[in-house]
Amino acid sequence: NNRKIAYHKSEGGDTTVIFCGGYMSDMEGTKACFLEGTCSELGLSYIR
């Protein structure tokens, strides 16, 4: 129904990690942002 879903994606390896947050949480939370740096270190693509 044309809902617009905001995201940040960082490119890494062939495997992509996708973080699904909690109820009334957003993609700027501690775990969501921590995983971005972690995936970069590990050579993984990442989407929050």
ModelCIF file with pLDDT and N, C-alpha, C, O atoms, coordinates in Angstrom:
data_MODEL
#
_entry.id   MODEL 
#
_entity.id                         1 
_entity.type                       polymer 
_entity.pdbx_number_of_molecules   1 
#
_entity_poly.entity_id                      1 
_entity_poly.type                           'polypeptide(L)' 
_entity_poly.nstd_linkage                   no 
_entity_poly.nstd_monomer                   no 
_entity_poly.pdbx_seq_one_letter_code       NNRKIAYHKSEGGDTTVIFCGGYMSDMEGTKACFLEGTCSELGLSYIR 
_entity_poly.pdbx_seq_one_letter_code_can   NNRKIAYHKSEGGDTTVIFCGGYMSDMEGTKACFLEGTCSELGLSYIR 
_entity_poly.pdbx_strand_id                 A 
#
loop_
_entity_poly_seq.entity_id 
_entity_poly_seq.num 
_entity_poly_seq.mon_id 
_entity_poly_seq.hetero 
1 1  ASN n 
1 2  ASN n 
1 3  ARG n 
1 4  LYS n 
1 5  ILE n 
1 6  ALA n 
1 7  TYR n 
1 8  HIS n 
1 9  LYS n 
1 10 SER n 
1 11 GLU n 
1 12 GLY n 
1 13 GLY n 
1 14 ASP n 
1 15 THR n 
1 16 THR n 
1 17 VAL n 
1 18 ILE n 
1 19 PHE n 
1 20 CYS n 
1 21 GLY n 
1 22 GLY n 
1 23 TYR n 
1 24 MET n 
1 25 SER n 
1 26 ASP n 
1 27 MET n 
1 28 GLU n 
1 29 GLY n 
1 30 THR n 
1 31 LYS n 
1 32 ALA n 
1 33 CYS n 
1 34 PHE n 
1 35 LEU n 
1 36 GLU n 
1 37 GLY n 
1 38 THR n 
1 39 CYS n 
1 40 SER n 
1 41 GLU n 
1 42 LEU n 
1 43 GLY n 
1 44 LEU n 
1 45 SER n 
1 46 TYR n 
1 47 ILE n 
1 48 ARG n 
#
_struct_asym.id          A 
_struct_asym.entity_id   1 
#
loop_
_ma_qa_metric.id 
_ma_qa_metric.mode 
_ma_qa_metric.name 
_ma_qa_metric.software_group_id 
_ma_qa_metric.type 
1 global pLDDT . pLDDT 
2 local  pLDDT . pLDDT 
#
_ma_qa_metric_global.metric_id      1 
_ma_qa_metric_global.metric_value   96.94 
_ma_qa_metric_global.model_id       1 
_ma_qa_metric_global.ordinal_id     1 
#
loop_
_ma_qa_metric_local.label_asym_id 
_ma_qa_metric_local.label_comp_id 
_ma_qa_metric_local.label_seq_id 
_ma_qa_metric_local.metric_id 
_ma_qa_metric_local.metric_value 
_ma_qa_metric_local.model_id 
_ma_qa_metric_local.ordinal_id 
A ASN 1  2 95.00 1 1  
A ASN 2  2 96.00 1 2  
A ARG 3  2 98.00 1 3  
A LYS 4  2 98.00 1 4  
A ILE 5  2 98.00 1 5  
A ALA 6  2 98.00 1 6  
A TYR 7  2 98.00 1 7  
A HIS 8  2 98.00 1 8  
A LYS 9  2 98.00 1 9  
A SER 10 2 97.00 1 10 
A GLU 11 2 96.00 1 11 
A GLY 12 2 95.00 1 12 
A GLY 13 2 92.00 1 13 
A ASP 14 2 96.00 1 14 
A THR 15 2 98.00 1 15 
A THR 16 2 98.00 1 16 
A VAL 17 2 98.00 1 17 
A ILE 18 2 98.00 1 18 
A PHE 19 2 98.00 1 19 
A CYS 20 2 98.00 1 20 
A GLY 21 2 98.00 1 21 
A GLY 22 2 96.00 1 22 
A TYR 23 2 94.00 1 23 
A MET 24 2 92.00 1 24 
A SER 25 2 93.00 1 25 
A ASP 26 2 96.00 1 26 
A MET 27 2 97.00 1 27 
A GLU 28 2 96.00 1 28 
A GLY 29 2 96.00 1 29 
A THR 30 2 97.00 1 30 
A LYS 31 2 98.00 1 31 
A ALA 32 2 98.00 1 32 
A CYS 33 2 97.00 1 33 
A PHE 34 2 98.00 1 34 
A LEU 35 2 98.00 1 35 
A GLU 36 2 97.00 1 36 
A GLY 37 2 97.00 1 37 
A THR 38 2 98.00 1 38 
A CYS 39 2 98.00 1 39 
A SER 40 2 97.00 1 40 
A GLU 41 2 97.00 1 41 
A LEU 42 2 97.00 1 42 
A GLY 43 2 97.00 1 43 
A LEU 44 2 98.00 1 44 
A SER 45 2 98.00 1 45 
A TYR 46 2 98.00 1 46 
A ILE 47 2 98.00 1 47 
A ARG 48 2 98.00 1 48 
#
loop_
_atom_site.group_PDB 
_atom_site.id 
_atom_site.type_symbol 
_atom_site.label_atom_id 
_atom_site.label_alt_id 
_atom_site.label_comp_id 
_atom_site.label_asym_id 
_atom_site.label_entity_id 
_atom_site.label_seq_id 
_atom_site.pdbx_PDB_ins_code 
_atom_site.Cartn_x 
_atom_site.Cartn_y 
_atom_site.Cartn_z 
_atom_site.occupancy 
_atom_site.B_iso_or_equiv 
_atom_site.pdbx_formal_charge 
_atom_site.auth_seq_id 
_atom_site.auth_comp_id 
_atom_site.auth_asym_id 
_atom_site.auth_atom_id 
_atom_site.pdbx_PDB_model_num 
ATOM 1   N N  . ASN A 1 1  ? 0.812  -1.217  0.000  1.00 95.00 ? 1  ASN A N  1 
ATOM 2   C CA . ASN A 1 1  ? 0.000  0.000   0.000  1.00 95.00 ? 1  ASN A CA 1 
ATOM 3   C C  . ASN A 1 1  ? 0.846  1.268   0.000  1.00 95.00 ? 1  ASN A C  1 
ATOM 4   O O  . ASN A 1 1  ? 0.456  2.305   0.537  1.00 95.00 ? 1  ASN A O  1 
ATOM 5   N N  . ASN A 1 2  ? 2.032  1.145   -0.629 1.00 96.00 ? 2  ASN A N  1 
ATOM 6   C CA . ASN A 1 2  ? 2.929  2.292   -0.832 1.00 96.00 ? 2  ASN A CA 1 
ATOM 7   C C  . ASN A 1 2  ? 3.417  2.926   0.464  1.00 96.00 ? 2  ASN A C  1 
ATOM 8   O O  . ASN A 1 2  ? 3.692  4.125   0.504  1.00 96.00 ? 2  ASN A O  1 
ATOM 9   N N  . ARG A 1 3  ? 3.527  2.120   1.533  1.00 98.00 ? 3  ARG A N  1 
ATOM 10  C CA . ARG A 1 3  ? 4.139  2.627   2.753  1.00 98.00 ? 3  ARG A CA 1 
ATOM 11  C C  . ARG A 1 3  ? 5.627  2.863   2.485  1.00 98.00 ? 3  ARG A C  1 
ATOM 12  O O  . ARG A 1 3  ? 6.289  2.035   1.859  1.00 98.00 ? 3  ARG A O  1 
ATOM 13  N N  . LYS A 1 4  ? 6.144  3.992   2.959  1.00 98.00 ? 4  LYS A N  1 
ATOM 14  C CA . LYS A 1 4  ? 7.537  4.357   2.732  1.00 98.00 ? 4  LYS A CA 1 
ATOM 15  C C  . LYS A 1 4  ? 8.375  3.943   3.941  1.00 98.00 ? 4  LYS A C  1 
ATOM 16  O O  . LYS A 1 4  ? 8.215  4.475   5.040  1.00 98.00 ? 4  LYS A O  1 
ATOM 17  N N  . ILE A 1 5  ? 9.270  2.982   3.713  1.00 98.00 ? 5  ILE A N  1 
ATOM 18  C CA . ILE A 1 5  ? 10.068 2.419   4.801  1.00 98.00 ? 5  ILE A CA 1 
ATOM 19  C C  . ILE A 1 5  ? 11.477 2.985   4.742  1.00 98.00 ? 5  ILE A C  1 
ATOM 20  O O  . ILE A 1 5  ? 12.204 2.775   3.771  1.00 98.00 ? 5  ILE A O  1 
ATOM 21  N N  . ALA A 1 6  ? 11.856 3.710   5.799  1.00 98.00 ? 6  ALA A N  1 
ATOM 22  C CA . ALA A 1 6  ? 13.177 4.332   5.868  1.00 98.00 ? 6  ALA A CA 1 
ATOM 23  C C  . ALA A 1 6  ? 14.221 3.292   6.248  1.00 98.00 ? 6  ALA A C  1 
ATOM 24  O O  . ALA A 1 6  ? 13.966 2.405   7.064  1.00 98.00 ? 6  ALA A O  1 
ATOM 25  N N  . TYR A 1 7  ? 15.401 3.413   5.645  1.00 98.00 ? 7  TYR A N  1 
ATOM 26  C CA . TYR A 1 7  ? 16.474 2.461   5.966  1.00 98.00 ? 7  TYR A CA 1 
ATOM 27  C C  . TYR A 1 7  ? 17.840 3.085   5.740  1.00 98.00 ? 7  TYR A C  1 
ATOM 28  O O  . TYR A 1 7  ? 17.987 4.087   5.039  1.00 98.00 ? 7  TYR A O  1 
ATOM 29  N N  . HIS A 1 8  ? 18.836 2.459   6.358  1.00 98.00 ? 8  HIS A N  1 
ATOM 30  C CA . HIS A 1 8  ? 20.242 2.728   6.081  1.00 98.00 ? 8  HIS A CA 1 
ATOM 31  C C  . HIS A 1 8  ? 20.879 1.395   5.704  1.00 98.00 ? 8  HIS A C  1 
ATOM 32  O O  . HIS A 1 8  ? 20.691 0.397   6.398  1.00 98.00 ? 8  HIS A O  1 
ATOM 33  N N  . LYS A 1 9  ? 21.621 1.378   4.619  1.00 98.00 ? 9  LYS A N  1 
ATOM 34  C CA . LYS A 1 9  ? 22.331 0.159   4.217  1.00 98.00 ? 9  LYS A CA 1 
ATOM 35  C C  . LYS A 1 9  ? 23.800 0.472   4.034  1.00 98.00 ? 9  LYS A C  1 
ATOM 36  O O  . LYS A 1 9  ? 24.167 1.460   3.398  1.00 98.00 ? 9  LYS A O  1 
ATOM 37  N N  . SER A 1 10 ? 24.644 -0.390  4.607  1.00 97.00 ? 10 SER A N  1 
ATOM 38  C CA . SER A 1 10 ? 26.081 -0.292  4.395  1.00 97.00 ? 10 SER A CA 1 
ATOM 39  C C  . SER A 1 10 ? 26.537 -1.540  3.655  1.00 97.00 ? 10 SER A C  1 
ATOM 40  O O  . SER A 1 10 ? 26.186 -2.660  4.027  1.00 97.00 ? 10 SER A O  1 
ATOM 41  N N  . GLU A 1 11 ? 27.311 -1.338  2.617  1.00 96.00 ? 11 GLU A N  1 
ATOM 42  C CA . GLU A 1 11 ? 27.749 -2.454  1.783  1.00 96.00 ? 11 GLU A CA 1 
ATOM 43  C C  . GLU A 1 11 ? 28.972 -3.144  2.383  1.00 96.00 ? 11 GLU A C  1 
ATOM 44  O O  . GLU A 1 11 ? 29.879 -2.498  2.907  1.00 96.00 ? 11 GLU A O  1 
ATOM 45  N N  . GLY A 1 12 ? 28.969 -4.459  2.292  1.00 95.00 ? 12 GLY A N  1 
ATOM 46  C CA . GLY A 1 12 ? 30.094 -5.252  2.771  1.00 95.00 ? 12 GLY A CA 1 
ATOM 47  C C  . GLY A 1 12 ? 30.248 -6.477  1.899  1.00 95.00 ? 12 GLY A C  1 
ATOM 48  O O  . GLY A 1 12 ? 30.506 -6.367  0.701  1.00 95.00 ? 12 GLY A O  1 
ATOM 49  N N  . GLY A 1 13 ? 30.089 -7.649  2.498  1.00 92.00 ? 13 GLY A N  1 
ATOM 50  C CA . GLY A 1 13 ? 30.211 -8.886  1.742  1.00 92.00 ? 13 GLY A CA 1 
ATOM 51  C C  . GLY A 1 13 ? 28.899 -9.316  1.119  1.00 92.00 ? 13 GLY A C  1 
ATOM 52  O O  . GLY A 1 13 ? 27.935 -8.552  1.073  1.00 92.00 ? 13 GLY A O  1 
ATOM 53  N N  . ASP A 1 14 ? 28.874 -10.562 0.638  1.00 96.00 ? 14 ASP A N  1 
ATOM 54  C CA . ASP A 1 14 ? 27.686 -11.103 -0.028 1.00 96.00 ? 14 ASP A CA 1 
ATOM 55  C C  . ASP A 1 14 ? 26.529 -11.324 0.945  1.00 96.00 ? 14 ASP A C  1 
ATOM 56  O O  . ASP A 1 14 ? 25.363 -11.252 0.557  1.00 96.00 ? 14 ASP A O  1 
ATOM 57  N N  . THR A 1 15 ? 26.858 -11.593 2.211  1.00 98.00 ? 15 THR A N  1 
ATOM 58  C CA . THR A 1 15 ? 25.822 -11.823 3.219  1.00 98.00 ? 15 THR A CA 1 
ATOM 59  C C  . THR A 1 15 ? 25.391 -10.493 3.834  1.00 98.00 ? 15 THR A C  1 
ATOM 60  O O  . THR A 1 15 ? 26.223 -9.651  4.171  1.00 98.00 ? 15 THR A O  1 
ATOM 61  N N  . THR A 1 16 ? 24.073 -10.320 3.974  1.00 98.00 ? 16 THR A N  1 
ATOM 62  C CA . THR A 1 16 ? 23.529 -9.087  4.548  1.00 98.00 ? 16 THR A CA 1 
ATOM 63  C C  . THR A 1 16 ? 22.864 -9.376  5.882  1.00 98.00 ? 16 THR A C  1 
ATOM 64  O O  . THR A 1 16 ? 22.029 -10.274 5.984  1.00 98.00 ? 16 THR A O  1 
ATOM 65  N N  . VAL A 1 17 ? 23.232 -8.622  6.896  1.00 98.00 ? 17 VAL A N  1 
ATOM 66  C CA . VAL A 1 17 ? 22.592 -8.689  8.211  1.00 98.00 ? 17 VAL A CA 1 
ATOM 67  C C  . VAL A 1 17 ? 21.453 -7.683  8.227  1.00 98.00 ? 17 VAL A C  1 
ATOM 68  O O  . VAL A 1 17 ? 21.635 -6.526  7.848  1.00 98.00 ? 17 VAL A O  1 
ATOM 69  N N  . ILE A 1 18 ? 20.281 -8.123  8.665  1.00 98.00 ? 18 ILE A N  1 
ATOM 70  C CA . ILE A 1 18 ? 19.108 -7.244  8.761  1.00 98.00 ? 18 ILE A CA 1 
ATOM 71  C C  . ILE A 1 18 ? 18.650 -7.197  10.211 1.00 98.00 ? 18 ILE A C  1 
ATOM 72  O O  . ILE A 1 18 ? 18.363 -8.228  10.819 1.00 98.00 ? 18 ILE A O  1 
ATOM 73  N N  . PHE A 1 19 ? 18.586 -5.978  10.760 1.00 98.00 ? 19 PHE A N  1 
ATOM 74  C CA . PHE A 1 19 ? 18.177 -5.813  12.157 1.00 98.00 ? 19 PHE A CA 1 
ATOM 75  C C  . PHE A 1 19 ? 16.721 -5.383  12.232 1.00 98.00 ? 19 PHE A C  1 
ATOM 76  O O  . PHE A 1 19 ? 16.325 -4.379  11.639 1.00 98.00 ? 19 PHE A O  1 
ATOM 77  N N  . CYS A 1 20 ? 15.930 -6.151  12.969 1.00 98.00 ? 20 CYS A N  1 
ATOM 78  C CA . CYS A 1 20 ? 14.515 -5.848  13.200 1.00 98.00 ? 20 CYS A CA 1 
ATOM 79  C C  . CYS A 1 20 ? 14.362 -5.341  14.636 1.00 98.00 ? 20 CYS A C  1 
ATOM 80  O O  . CYS A 1 20 ? 14.584 -6.085  15.591 1.00 98.00 ? 20 CYS A O  1 
ATOM 81  N N  . GLY A 1 21 ? 13.986 -4.088  14.775 1.00 98.00 ? 21 GLY A N  1 
ATOM 82  C CA . GLY A 1 21 ? 13.888 -3.482  16.092 1.00 98.00 ? 21 GLY A CA 1 
ATOM 83  C C  . GLY A 1 21 ? 12.609 -3.831  16.833 1.00 98.00 ? 21 GLY A C  1 
ATOM 84  O O  . GLY A 1 21 ? 11.775 -4.596  16.349 1.00 98.00 ? 21 GLY A O  1 
ATOM 85  N N  . GLY A 1 22 ? 12.477 -3.258  18.008 1.00 96.00 ? 22 GLY A N  1 
ATOM 86  C CA . GLY A 1 22 ? 11.352 -3.573  18.878 1.00 96.00 ? 22 GLY A CA 1 
ATOM 87  C C  . GLY A 1 22 ? 10.163 -2.640  18.713 1.00 96.00 ? 22 GLY A C  1 
ATOM 88  O O  . GLY A 1 22 ? 10.169 -1.739  17.874 1.00 96.00 ? 22 GLY A O  1 
ATOM 89  N N  . TYR A 1 23 ? 9.162  -2.871  19.517 1.00 94.00 ? 23 TYR A N  1 
ATOM 90  C CA . TYR A 1 23 ? 7.906  -2.112  19.527 1.00 94.00 ? 23 TYR A CA 1 
ATOM 91  C C  . TYR A 1 23 ? 8.183  -0.668  19.924 1.00 94.00 ? 23 TYR A C  1 
ATOM 92  O O  . TYR A 1 23 ? 8.734  -0.412  20.994 1.00 94.00 ? 23 TYR A O  1 
ATOM 93  N N  . MET A 1 24 ? 7.804  0.274   19.069 1.00 92.00 ? 24 MET A N  1 
ATOM 94  C CA . MET A 1 24 ? 8.025  1.703   19.290 1.00 92.00 ? 24 MET A CA 1 
ATOM 95  C C  . MET A 1 24 ? 9.507  2.078   19.335 1.00 92.00 ? 24 MET A C  1 
ATOM 96  O O  . MET A 1 24 ? 9.857  3.136   19.857 1.00 92.00 ? 24 MET A O  1 
ATOM 97  N N  . SER A 1 25 ? 10.378 1.227   18.795 1.00 93.00 ? 25 SER A N  1 
ATOM 98  C CA . SER A 1 25 ? 11.798 1.551   18.690 1.00 93.00 ? 25 SER A CA 1 
ATOM 99  C C  . SER A 1 25 ? 12.092 1.999   17.260 1.00 93.00 ? 25 SER A C  1 
ATOM 100 O O  . SER A 1 25 ? 11.286 1.784   16.354 1.00 93.00 ? 25 SER A O  1 
ATOM 101 N N  . ASP A 1 26 ? 13.250 2.621   17.069 1.00 96.00 ? 26 ASP A N  1 
ATOM 102 C CA . ASP A 1 26 ? 13.626 3.010   15.708 1.00 96.00 ? 26 ASP A CA 1 
ATOM 103 C C  . ASP A 1 26 ? 15.047 2.560   15.416 1.00 96.00 ? 26 ASP A C  1 
ATOM 104 O O  . ASP A 1 26 ? 15.705 1.963   16.268 1.00 96.00 ? 26 ASP A O  1 
ATOM 105 N N  . MET A 1 27 ? 15.518 2.846   14.210 1.00 97.00 ? 27 MET A N  1 
ATOM 106 C CA . MET A 1 27 ? 16.806 2.321   13.764 1.00 97.00 ? 27 MET A CA 1 
ATOM 107 C C  . MET A 1 27 ? 17.995 3.118   14.286 1.00 97.00 ? 27 MET A C  1 
ATOM 108 O O  . MET A 1 27 ? 19.131 2.883   13.872 1.00 97.00 ? 27 MET A O  1 
ATOM 109 N N  . GLU A 1 28 ? 17.739 4.069   15.204 1.00 96.00 ? 28 GLU A N  1 
ATOM 110 C CA . GLU A 1 28 ? 18.834 4.828   15.800 1.00 96.00 ? 28 GLU A CA 1 
ATOM 111 C C  . GLU A 1 28 ? 19.187 4.308   17.186 1.00 96.00 ? 28 GLU A C  1 
ATOM 112 O O  . GLU A 1 28 ? 19.955 4.943   17.908 1.00 96.00 ? 28 GLU A O  1 
ATOM 113 N N  . GLY A 1 29 ? 18.631 3.158   17.565 1.00 96.00 ? 29 GLY A N  1 
ATOM 114 C CA . GLY A 1 29 ? 18.906 2.591   18.882 1.00 96.00 ? 29 GLY A CA 1 
ATOM 115 C C  . GLY A 1 29 ? 20.327 2.060   19.016 1.00 96.00 ? 29 GLY A C  1 
ATOM 116 O O  . GLY A 1 29 ? 21.051 1.922   18.029 1.00 96.00 ? 29 GLY A O  1 
ATOM 117 N N  . THR A 1 30 ? 20.712 1.765   20.255 1.00 97.00 ? 30 THR A N  1 
ATOM 118 C CA . THR A 1 30 ? 22.082 1.329   20.564 1.00 97.00 ? 30 THR A CA 1 
ATOM 119 C C  . THR A 1 30 ? 22.483 0.093   19.780 1.00 97.00 ? 30 THR A C  1 
ATOM 120 O O  . THR A 1 30 ? 23.541 0.072   19.151 1.00 97.00 ? 30 THR A O  1 
ATOM 121 N N  . LYS A 1 31 ? 21.651 -0.935  19.810 1.00 98.00 ? 31 LYS A N  1 
ATOM 122 C CA . LYS A 1 31 ? 22.010 -2.196  19.132 1.00 98.00 ? 31 LYS A CA 1 
ATOM 123 C C  . LYS A 1 31 ? 22.041 -2.021  17.618 1.00 98.00 ? 31 LYS A C  1 
ATOM 124 O O  . LYS A 1 31 ? 22.925 -2.551  16.944 1.00 98.00 ? 31 LYS A O  1 
ATOM 125 N N  . ALA A 1 32 ? 21.070 -1.272  17.082 1.00 98.00 ? 32 ALA A N  1 
ATOM 126 C CA . ALA A 1 32 ? 21.007 -1.066  15.630 1.00 98.00 ? 32 ALA A CA 1 
ATOM 127 C C  . ALA A 1 32 ? 22.256 -0.367  15.124 1.00 98.00 ? 32 ALA A C  1 
ATOM 128 O O  . ALA A 1 32 ? 22.804 -0.742  14.087 1.00 98.00 ? 32 ALA A O  1 
ATOM 129 N N  . CYS A 1 33 ? 22.710 0.647   15.851 1.00 97.00 ? 33 CYS A N  1 
ATOM 130 C CA . CYS A 1 33 ? 23.898 1.395   15.418 1.00 97.00 ? 33 CYS A CA 1 
ATOM 131 C C  . CYS A 1 33 ? 25.179 0.614   15.699 1.00 97.00 ? 33 CYS A C  1 
ATOM 132 O O  . CYS A 1 33 ? 26.123 0.675   14.911 1.00 97.00 ? 33 CYS A O  1 
ATOM 133 N N  . PHE A 1 34 ? 25.224 -0.117  16.806 1.00 98.00 ? 34 PHE A N  1 
ATOM 134 C CA . PHE A 1 34 ? 26.394 -0.943  17.102 1.00 98.00 ? 34 PHE A CA 1 
ATOM 135 C C  . PHE A 1 34 ? 26.631 -1.975  16.000 1.00 98.00 ? 34 PHE A C  1 
ATOM 136 O O  . PHE A 1 34 ? 27.769 -2.207  15.589 1.00 98.00 ? 34 PHE A O  1 
ATOM 137 N N  . LEU A 1 35 ? 25.568 -2.577  15.535 1.00 98.00 ? 35 LEU A N  1 
ATOM 138 C CA . LEU A 1 35 ? 25.691 -3.618  14.513 1.00 98.00 ? 35 LEU A CA 1 
ATOM 139 C C  . LEU A 1 35 ? 26.221 -3.069  13.200 1.00 98.00 ? 35 LEU A C  1 
ATOM 140 O O  . LEU A 1 35 ? 26.848 -3.799  12.432 1.00 98.00 ? 35 LEU A O  1 
ATOM 141 N N  . GLU A 1 36 ? 25.978 -1.798  12.933 1.00 97.00 ? 36 GLU A N  1 
ATOM 142 C CA . GLU A 1 36 ? 26.484 -1.202  11.704 1.00 97.00 ? 36 GLU A CA 1 
ATOM 143 C C  . GLU A 1 36 ? 28.012 -1.234  11.683 1.00 97.00 ? 36 GLU A C  1 
ATOM 144 O O  . GLU A 1 36 ? 28.622 -1.646  10.696 1.00 97.00 ? 36 GLU A O  1 
ATOM 145 N N  . GLY A 1 37 ? 28.619 -0.794  12.787 1.00 97.00 ? 37 GLY A N  1 
ATOM 146 C CA . GLY A 1 37 ? 30.067 -0.833  12.879 1.00 97.00 ? 37 GLY A CA 1 
ATOM 147 C C  . GLY A 1 37 ? 30.606 -2.243  12.918 1.00 97.00 ? 37 GLY A C  1 
ATOM 148 O O  . GLY A 1 37 ? 31.642 -2.540  12.323 1.00 97.00 ? 37 GLY A O  1 
ATOM 149 N N  . THR A 1 38 ? 29.901 -3.114  13.620 1.00 98.00 ? 38 THR A N  1 
ATOM 150 C CA . THR A 1 38 ? 30.322 -4.506  13.737 1.00 98.00 ? 38 THR A CA 1 
ATOM 151 C C  . THR A 1 38 ? 30.335 -5.200  12.383 1.00 98.00 ? 38 THR A C  1 
ATOM 152 O O  . THR A 1 38 ? 31.286 -5.905  12.046 1.00 98.00 ? 38 THR A O  1 
ATOM 153 N N  . CYS A 1 39 ? 29.274 -4.996  11.611 1.00 98.00 ? 39 CYS A N  1 
ATOM 154 C CA . CYS A 1 39 ? 29.201 -5.630  10.293 1.00 98.00 ? 39 CYS A CA 1 
ATOM 155 C C  . CYS A 1 39 ? 30.298 -5.109  9.370  1.00 98.00 ? 39 CYS A C  1 
ATOM 156 O O  . CYS A 1 39 ? 30.841 -5.861  8.560  1.00 98.00 ? 39 CYS A O  1 
ATOM 157 N N  . SER A 1 40 ? 30.617 -3.840  9.490  1.00 97.00 ? 40 SER A N  1 
ATOM 158 C CA . SER A 1 40 ? 31.713 -3.280  8.693  1.00 97.00 ? 40 SER A CA 1 
ATOM 159 C C  . SER A 1 40 ? 33.024 -3.980  9.034  1.00 97.00 ? 40 SER A C  1 
ATOM 160 O O  . SER A 1 40 ? 33.803 -4.316  8.142  1.00 97.00 ? 40 SER A O  1 
ATOM 161 N N  . GLU A 1 41 ? 33.265 -4.198  10.320 1.00 97.00 ? 41 GLU A N  1 
ATOM 162 C CA . GLU A 1 41 ? 34.477 -4.897  10.764 1.00 97.00 ? 41 GLU A CA 1 
ATOM 163 C C  . GLU A 1 41 ? 34.520 -6.331  10.259 1.00 97.00 ? 41 GLU A C  1 
ATOM 164 O O  . GLU A 1 41 ? 35.581 -6.840  9.898  1.00 97.00 ? 41 GLU A O  1 
ATOM 165 N N  . LEU A 1 42 ? 33.365 -6.973  10.235 1.00 97.00 ? 42 LEU A N  1 
ATOM 166 C CA . LEU A 1 42 ? 33.304 -8.395  9.887  1.00 97.00 ? 42 LEU A CA 1 
ATOM 167 C C  . LEU A 1 42 ? 33.151 -8.650  8.394  1.00 97.00 ? 42 LEU A C  1 
ATOM 168 O O  . LEU A 1 42 ? 33.118 -9.801  7.959  1.00 97.00 ? 42 LEU A O  1 
ATOM 169 N N  . GLY A 1 43 ? 33.057 -7.582  7.608  1.00 97.00 ? 43 GLY A N  1 
ATOM 170 C CA . GLY A 1 43 ? 32.921 -7.754  6.162  1.00 97.00 ? 43 GLY A CA 1 
ATOM 171 C C  . GLY A 1 43 ? 31.542 -8.207  5.734  1.00 97.00 ? 43 GLY A C  1 
ATOM 172 O O  . GLY A 1 43 ? 31.398 -8.983  4.789  1.00 97.00 ? 43 GLY A O  1 
ATOM 173 N N  . LEU A 1 44 ? 30.514 -7.713  6.442  1.00 98.00 ? 44 LEU A N  1 
ATOM 174 C CA . LEU A 1 44 ? 29.137 -8.062  6.131  1.00 98.00 ? 44 LEU A CA 1 
ATOM 175 C C  . LEU A 1 44 ? 28.378 -6.817  5.690  1.00 98.00 ? 44 LEU A C  1 
ATOM 176 O O  . LEU A 1 44 ? 28.636 -5.727  6.202  1.00 98.00 ? 44 LEU A O  1 
ATOM 177 N N  . SER A 1 45 ? 27.460 -6.956  4.762  1.00 98.00 ? 45 SER A N  1 
ATOM 178 C CA . SER A 1 45 ? 26.537 -5.870  4.457  1.00 98.00 ? 45 SER A CA 1 
ATOM 179 C C  . SER A 1 45 ? 25.521 -5.772  5.599  1.00 98.00 ? 45 SER A C  1 
ATOM 180 O O  . SER A 1 45 ? 25.298 -6.741  6.324  1.00 98.00 ? 45 SER A O  1 
ATOM 181 N N  . TYR A 1 46 ? 24.913 -4.605  5.752  1.00 98.00 ? 46 TYR A N  1 
ATOM 182 C CA . TYR A 1 46 ? 24.038 -4.411  6.903  1.00 98.00 ? 46 TYR A CA 1 
ATOM 183 C C  . TYR A 1 46 ? 22.899 -3.448  6.572  1.00 98.00 ? 46 TYR A C  1 
ATOM 184 O O  . TYR A 1 46 ? 23.099 -2.435  5.902  1.00 98.00 ? 46 TYR A O  1 
ATOM 185 N N  . ILE A 1 47 ? 21.706 -3.780  7.052  1.00 98.00 ? 47 ILE A N  1 
ATOM 186 C CA . ILE A 1 47 ? 20.538 -2.908  6.901  1.00 98.00 ? 47 ILE A CA 1 
ATOM 187 C C  . ILE A 1 47 ? 19.842 -2.746  8.248  1.00 98.00 ? 47 ILE A C  1 
ATOM 188 O O  . ILE A 1 47 ? 19.521 -3.726  8.920  1.00 98.00 ? 47 ILE A O  1 
ATOM 189 N N  . ARG A 1 48 ? 19.619 -1.502  8.625  1.00 98.00 ? 48 ARG A N  1 
ATOM 190 C CA . ARG A 1 48 ? 18.714 -1.180  9.737  1.00 98.00 ? 48 ARG A CA 1 
ATOM 191 C C  . ARG A 1 48 ? 17.591 -0.347  9.149  1.00 98.00 ? 48 ARG A C  1 
ATOM 192 O O  . ARG A 1 48 ? 16.683 0.063   9.872  1.00 98.00 ? 48 ARG A O  1 
#
